[in-house]
């Protein structure tokens, strides 16, 4: 009797250990992939940022924090940094609040809801290069459909992408147009997950309209709001702070726009690395951008992740 109990416990312990080992094995694969694709290049960038290196690896020279000091006297970098901040100030609130507003409207319709969802989401799944090229032709001062439509209502042709004052808001508007569908989907999923019983109980107590949104909808959407803001700000795919493809392709013959008015930090880094071959300085720019994104993301989490009373 004692022997059988001992055997069953050994078998059970062995199975438990095997399950744990398999769990660690399955976790190790994505972890190794993440380390190889994300962590290792990041560490290499930190190491490269304190060296002067153009092309030949044998000519790497340790320069310490020289690149970081050089950055604050670089007028083009400072302009790219200001432009990136302006993109974030325009694009992030526009994406989040437009996405929330459209989601609230779509959530209240019954007919053709799927069609409208597909229409709003289609630009997000369209390649960014294709979107940028299409809009660059549509915004052409003389042949673009946008200026043609403006002419019908008596507005003269606008320079849009060729104007130092209009280029940045125009690029931001194109980015918002492409990515707002992503935020619509996030908020629609969150809205559909809110139990109807909560609204019914609130209506019984006399709540309606704005009160329902302020007391129930908005507090329960807070996790989705946090995700939406962080993705719009810092995500590699749609984050404004890492904006590159749209700026590069909307101004096909003049990346960075007239007088550098649309240049971003990532675009300037690309120009330093692959046009001037100053890889050390480009790596230093990426390190600074990484620090900015990390700081902003932590601040967003701290400010937005708070409890609401409803």
Protein backbone atom coordinates (compact mmCIF):
# COMPACT_ATOMS: atom_id res chain seq x y z
CA UNK A 1 0.00 0.00 0.00
CA UNK A 2 2.81 2.40 0.94
CA UNK A 3 4.77 1.43 -2.19
CA UNK A 4 1.83 2.21 -4.52
CA UNK A 5 1.33 5.62 -2.90
CA UNK A 6 5.04 6.37 -3.29
CA UNK A 7 4.95 5.31 -6.96
CA UNK A 8 1.91 7.46 -7.73
CA UNK A 9 3.49 10.49 -6.04
CA UNK A 10 6.71 9.98 -8.03
CA UNK A 11 4.75 9.71 -11.27
CA UNK A 12 2.70 12.80 -10.38
CA UNK A 13 5.82 14.75 -9.48
CA UNK A 14 7.47 13.66 -12.72
CA UNK A 15 4.45 14.77 -14.75
CA UNK A 16 4.40 18.08 -12.91
CA UNK A 17 8.08 18.64 -13.61
CA UNK A 18 7.59 17.72 -17.25
CA UNK A 19 4.76 20.21 -17.57
CA UNK A 20 6.89 22.92 -15.97
CA UNK A 21 9.79 22.11 -18.29
CA UNK A 22 7.51 22.24 -21.33
CA UNK A 23 6.10 25.56 -20.14
CA UNK A 24 9.59 27.02 -19.81
CA UNK A 25 10.52 25.59 -23.22
CA UNK A 26 7.55 27.27 -24.90
CA UNK A 27 8.30 30.53 -23.09
CA UNK A 28 11.96 30.37 -24.04
CA UNK A 29 11.31 30.47 -27.80
CA UNK A 30 9.58 33.90 -27.91
CA UNK A 31 11.94 35.15 -25.19
CA UNK A 32 15.00 34.26 -27.26
CA UNK A 33 13.38 35.81 -30.32
CA UNK A 34 12.65 39.01 -28.38
CA UNK A 35 16.21 39.16 -27.04
CA UNK A 36 17.68 38.62 -30.51
CA UNK A 37 15.40 41.07 -32.31
CA UNK A 38 14.90 43.76 -29.65
CA UNK A 39 17.27 43.62 -26.69
CA UNK A 40 20.52 42.79 -28.50
CA UNK A 41 20.17 45.52 -31.19
CA UNK A 42 19.25 48.00 -28.44
CA UNK A 43 22.41 47.15 -26.50
CA UNK A 44 24.41 47.44 -29.71
CA UNK A 45 22.93 50.88 -30.31
CA UNK A 46 23.97 51.99 -26.81
CA UNK A 47 27.49 50.75 -27.48
CA UNK A 48 27.63 52.37 -30.92
CA UNK A 49 26.38 55.73 -29.61
CA UNK A 50 29.64 56.37 -27.75
CA UNK A 51 31.85 55.69 -30.78
CA UNK A 52 32.68 57.49 -34.01
CA UNK A 53 32.11 55.05 -36.87
CA UNK A 54 31.45 55.68 -40.51
CA UNK A 55 31.90 52.51 -42.58
CA UNK A 56 34.93 50.43 -41.65
CA UNK A 57 34.41 48.56 -38.31
CA UNK A 58 38.16 48.75 -37.71
CA UNK A 59 37.93 52.54 -37.59
CA UNK A 60 35.60 52.74 -34.60
CA UNK A 61 36.86 55.34 -32.13
CA UNK A 62 35.53 55.76 -28.60
CA UNK A 63 34.30 59.35 -28.15
CA UNK A 64 32.24 59.05 -24.97
CA UNK A 65 29.32 61.48 -24.79
CA UNK A 66 30.55 63.66 -27.65
CA UNK A 67 27.59 62.80 -29.90
CA UNK A 68 25.09 63.70 -27.20
CA UNK A 69 26.79 67.07 -26.68
CA UNK A 70 26.89 67.63 -30.42
CA UNK A 71 23.15 67.00 -30.65
CA UNK A 72 22.16 70.08 -28.67
CA UNK A 73 24.07 72.31 -31.05
CA UNK A 74 22.64 70.62 -34.15
CA UNK A 75 19.93 72.92 -35.53
CA UNK A 76 18.51 70.25 -37.84
CA UNK A 77 18.18 67.73 -35.01
CA UNK A 78 16.48 70.31 -32.79
CA UNK A 79 14.08 71.16 -35.60
CA UNK A 80 13.30 67.46 -36.12
CA UNK A 81 12.70 67.15 -32.37
CA UNK A 82 10.31 70.13 -32.39
CA UNK A 83 8.49 68.72 -35.42
CA UNK A 84 8.09 65.36 -33.70
CA UNK A 85 6.64 67.08 -30.64
CA UNK A 86 4.19 68.98 -32.87
CA UNK A 87 3.18 65.76 -34.62
CA UNK A 88 2.47 64.21 -31.22
CA UNK A 89 0.53 67.26 -30.02
CA UNK A 90 -1.68 67.14 -33.13
CA UNK A 91 -1.84 63.46 -33.96
CA UNK A 92 -2.26 61.69 -30.61
CA UNK A 93 -5.34 63.59 -29.34
CA UNK A 94 -6.86 63.57 -32.83
CA UNK A 95 -6.47 59.81 -33.24
CA UNK A 96 -7.74 58.97 -29.77
CA UNK A 97 -10.73 61.33 -29.60
CA UNK A 98 -11.79 60.81 -33.22
CA UNK A 99 -11.49 57.06 -32.69
CA UNK A 100 -13.60 57.25 -29.54
CA UNK A 101 -16.22 59.49 -31.17
CA UNK A 102 -16.56 57.31 -34.26
CA UNK A 103 -16.74 54.18 -32.10
CA UNK A 104 -19.56 55.70 -30.03
CA UNK A 105 -21.48 56.53 -33.22
CA UNK A 106 -20.92 53.08 -34.76
CA UNK A 107 -21.95 51.42 -31.52
CA UNK A 108 -25.37 53.08 -31.76
CA UNK A 109 -26.25 51.97 -35.29
CA UNK A 110 -27.70 48.63 -36.29
CA UNK A 111 -27.74 48.62 -40.09
CA UNK A 112 -24.54 48.38 -42.13
CA UNK A 113 -22.40 48.46 -38.97
CA UNK A 114 -19.97 45.91 -40.41
CA UNK A 115 -19.59 47.92 -43.62
CA UNK A 116 -18.76 51.12 -41.76
CA UNK A 117 -16.26 49.28 -39.56
CA UNK A 118 -14.53 47.90 -42.63
CA UNK A 119 -14.42 51.36 -44.26
CA UNK A 120 -12.79 52.96 -41.23
CA UNK A 121 -10.35 50.07 -40.70
CA UNK A 122 -9.30 49.74 -44.36
CA UNK A 123 -6.72 52.60 -44.32
CA UNK A 124 -4.95 51.02 -41.33
CA UNK A 125 -4.29 47.74 -43.17
CA UNK A 126 -3.24 49.58 -46.34
CA UNK A 127 0.57 49.84 -46.71
CA UNK A 128 1.80 53.19 -45.46
CA UNK A 129 3.85 53.75 -48.64
CA UNK A 130 0.75 53.30 -50.81
CA UNK A 131 -1.23 55.69 -48.60
CA UNK A 132 1.53 58.31 -48.74
CA UNK A 133 1.91 58.12 -52.51
CA UNK A 134 -1.84 58.30 -53.08
CA UNK A 135 -2.19 61.37 -50.85
CA UNK A 136 0.84 63.05 -52.42
CA UNK A 137 -0.94 62.97 -55.78
CA UNK A 138 -4.31 63.92 -54.31
CA UNK A 139 -2.76 66.96 -52.61
CA UNK A 140 -0.91 68.15 -55.71
CA UNK A 141 -1.31 71.95 -56.06
CA UNK A 142 -2.52 71.77 -59.69
CA UNK A 143 -3.63 68.22 -60.52
CA UNK A 144 -4.77 66.94 -57.12
CA UNK A 145 -8.40 66.08 -56.51
CA UNK A 146 -8.38 67.96 -53.18
CA UNK A 147 -7.55 71.30 -54.80
CA UNK A 148 -10.00 70.57 -57.58
CA UNK A 149 -12.79 70.16 -55.03
CA UNK A 150 -11.68 73.30 -53.20
CA UNK A 151 -11.87 75.19 -56.50
CA UNK A 152 -15.55 74.27 -56.84
CA UNK A 153 -16.31 76.19 -53.63
CA UNK A 154 -14.17 79.19 -54.56
CA UNK A 155 -11.03 78.37 -52.55
CA UNK A 156 -7.75 78.90 -54.47
CA UNK A 157 -5.28 75.99 -54.81
CA UNK A 158 -3.40 75.31 -51.60
CA UNK A 159 0.31 74.36 -51.48
CA UNK A 160 -0.21 71.75 -48.74
CA UNK A 161 3.00 69.68 -48.93
CA UNK A 162 5.08 72.46 -50.53
CA UNK A 163 4.36 75.09 -47.88
CA UNK A 164 6.57 75.33 -44.77
CA UNK A 165 3.49 76.27 -42.70
CA UNK A 166 1.01 73.77 -44.16
CA UNK A 167 3.24 70.74 -44.71
CA UNK A 168 3.41 69.49 -41.12
CA UNK A 169 -0.35 69.75 -40.35
CA UNK A 170 -1.04 68.08 -43.71
CA UNK A 171 1.23 65.13 -42.93
CA UNK A 172 -0.32 64.86 -39.46
CA UNK A 173 -3.81 64.82 -41.00
CA UNK A 174 -2.83 61.98 -43.37
CA UNK A 175 -1.38 59.99 -40.45
CA UNK A 176 -4.55 60.51 -38.39
CA UNK A 177 -6.71 59.48 -41.37
CA UNK A 178 -4.74 56.25 -41.78
CA UNK A 179 -4.58 55.16 -38.14
CA UNK A 180 -7.87 56.35 -36.64
CA UNK A 181 -9.52 53.07 -37.68
CA UNK A 182 -7.20 51.15 -35.34
CA UNK A 183 -8.47 53.18 -32.37
CA UNK A 184 -12.07 52.78 -33.54
CA UNK A 185 -11.68 49.01 -33.30
CA UNK A 186 -10.09 49.22 -29.84
CA UNK A 187 -12.95 51.34 -28.48
CA UNK A 188 -15.66 49.29 -30.21
CA UNK A 189 -14.39 46.13 -28.54
CA UNK A 190 -14.32 47.92 -25.18
CA UNK A 191 -17.82 49.34 -25.65
CA UNK A 192 -19.25 45.94 -26.55
CA UNK A 193 -17.71 44.44 -23.41
CA UNK A 194 -19.60 46.81 -21.07
CA UNK A 195 -22.61 44.94 -19.60
CA UNK A 196 -25.94 46.39 -20.72
CA UNK A 197 -27.33 45.81 -17.24
CA UNK A 198 -25.20 48.67 -15.89
CA UNK A 199 -26.79 51.14 -18.30
CA UNK A 200 -30.28 49.80 -17.57
CA UNK A 201 -29.77 50.18 -13.83
CA UNK A 202 -28.45 53.73 -14.32
CA UNK A 203 -31.45 54.67 -16.47
CA UNK A 204 -33.78 53.38 -13.78
CA UNK A 205 -32.02 55.79 -11.38
CA UNK A 206 -32.67 58.66 -13.80
CA UNK A 207 -29.29 58.88 -15.57
CA UNK A 208 -29.19 59.57 -19.30
CA UNK A 209 -27.05 61.02 -22.09
CA UNK A 210 -23.92 62.77 -20.87
CA UNK A 211 -24.32 61.40 -17.35
CA UNK A 212 -24.19 57.82 -18.65
CA UNK A 213 -21.05 58.56 -20.62
CA UNK A 214 -19.31 60.41 -17.79
CA UNK A 215 -20.26 58.03 -15.00
CA UNK A 216 -20.19 54.65 -16.76
CA UNK A 217 -18.81 54.59 -20.30
CA UNK A 218 -15.69 56.71 -19.86
CA UNK A 219 -14.52 55.09 -16.57
CA UNK A 220 -14.94 51.59 -18.00
CA UNK A 221 -13.08 52.59 -21.16
CA UNK A 222 -10.04 53.72 -19.17
CA UNK A 223 -7.89 50.60 -19.90
CA UNK A 224 -8.63 50.96 -23.62
CA UNK A 225 -7.90 54.67 -23.42
CA UNK A 226 -4.49 53.95 -21.88
CA UNK A 227 -3.72 51.42 -24.63
CA UNK A 228 -4.91 53.79 -27.35
CA UNK A 229 -2.84 56.74 -26.12
CA UNK A 230 0.33 54.67 -25.69
CA UNK A 231 -0.04 53.02 -29.10
CA UNK A 232 -0.68 56.39 -30.79
CA UNK A 233 2.37 57.87 -29.08
CA UNK A 234 5.09 55.25 -28.95
CA UNK A 235 4.12 52.10 -30.86
CA UNK A 236 6.67 51.05 -33.53
CA UNK A 237 3.85 50.57 -36.04
CA UNK A 238 1.59 53.60 -35.52
CA UNK A 239 3.36 55.71 -32.89
CA UNK A 240 3.73 59.39 -33.77
CA UNK A 241 7.12 59.59 -32.04
CA UNK A 242 8.49 57.01 -34.50
CA UNK A 243 6.93 58.57 -37.60
CA UNK A 244 8.99 57.88 -40.72
CA UNK A 245 7.31 56.20 -43.70
CA UNK A 246 4.61 58.80 -44.30
CA UNK A 247 7.06 61.71 -44.05
CA UNK A 248 9.55 59.97 -46.31
CA UNK A 249 7.03 59.16 -49.04
CA UNK A 250 4.65 62.12 -48.92
CA UNK A 251 7.61 64.26 -49.93
CA UNK A 252 9.08 61.79 -52.43
CA UNK A 253 11.56 64.25 -53.94
CA UNK A 254 12.24 66.23 -50.78
CA UNK A 255 12.15 64.04 -47.64
CA UNK A 256 11.79 66.28 -44.64
CA UNK A 257 9.60 68.80 -46.42
CA UNK A 258 10.24 72.43 -47.39
CA UNK A 259 12.94 73.90 -45.14
CA UNK A 260 12.84 70.71 -43.05
CA UNK A 261 9.33 71.56 -41.84
CA UNK A 262 8.14 67.92 -41.80
CA UNK A 263 11.37 66.21 -40.69
CA UNK A 264 11.16 63.86 -37.72
CA UNK A 265 13.76 62.42 -35.36
CA UNK A 266 13.61 58.99 -37.02
CA UNK A 267 13.93 60.51 -40.51
CA UNK A 268 16.92 62.59 -39.41
CA UNK A 269 18.52 59.49 -37.88
CA UNK A 270 18.02 57.67 -41.19
CA UNK A 271 19.67 60.51 -43.09
CA UNK A 272 22.65 60.54 -40.72
CA UNK A 273 23.09 56.76 -40.93
CA UNK A 274 22.45 55.96 -44.60
CA UNK A 275 23.30 59.19 -46.37
CA UNK A 276 26.18 60.56 -44.32
CA UNK A 277 27.17 57.14 -42.93
CA UNK A 278 27.67 58.64 -39.47
CA UNK A 279 26.47 55.55 -37.64
CA UNK A 280 27.71 56.60 -34.22
CA UNK A 281 25.77 59.88 -34.29
CA UNK A 282 22.67 58.10 -35.67
CA UNK A 283 22.84 55.59 -32.82
CA UNK A 284 23.08 58.44 -30.30
CA UNK A 285 19.90 59.95 -31.79
CA UNK A 286 18.12 56.62 -31.37
CA UNK A 287 19.26 56.39 -27.75
CA UNK A 288 17.83 59.85 -27.05
CA UNK A 289 14.57 58.92 -28.79
CA UNK A 290 14.41 55.71 -26.74
CA UNK A 291 14.80 57.71 -23.52
CA UNK A 292 12.08 60.14 -24.60
CA UNK A 293 9.63 57.36 -25.52
CA UNK A 294 10.32 55.48 -22.28
CA UNK A 295 9.78 58.60 -20.17
CA UNK A 296 6.57 59.60 -21.95
CA UNK A 297 5.17 56.06 -21.79
CA UNK A 298 5.83 55.82 -18.04
CA UNK A 299 4.22 59.23 -17.47
CA UNK A 300 1.19 58.22 -19.53
CA UNK A 301 0.80 55.04 -17.51
CA UNK A 302 1.08 56.95 -14.26
CA UNK A 303 -1.41 59.66 -15.26
CA UNK A 304 -3.96 57.58 -17.15
CA UNK A 305 -4.04 54.42 -15.03
CA UNK A 306 -6.09 55.77 -12.19
CA UNK A 307 -9.28 54.52 -10.67
CA UNK A 308 -12.56 56.20 -11.48
CA UNK A 309 -15.60 56.28 -9.28
CA UNK A 310 -18.88 55.63 -11.01
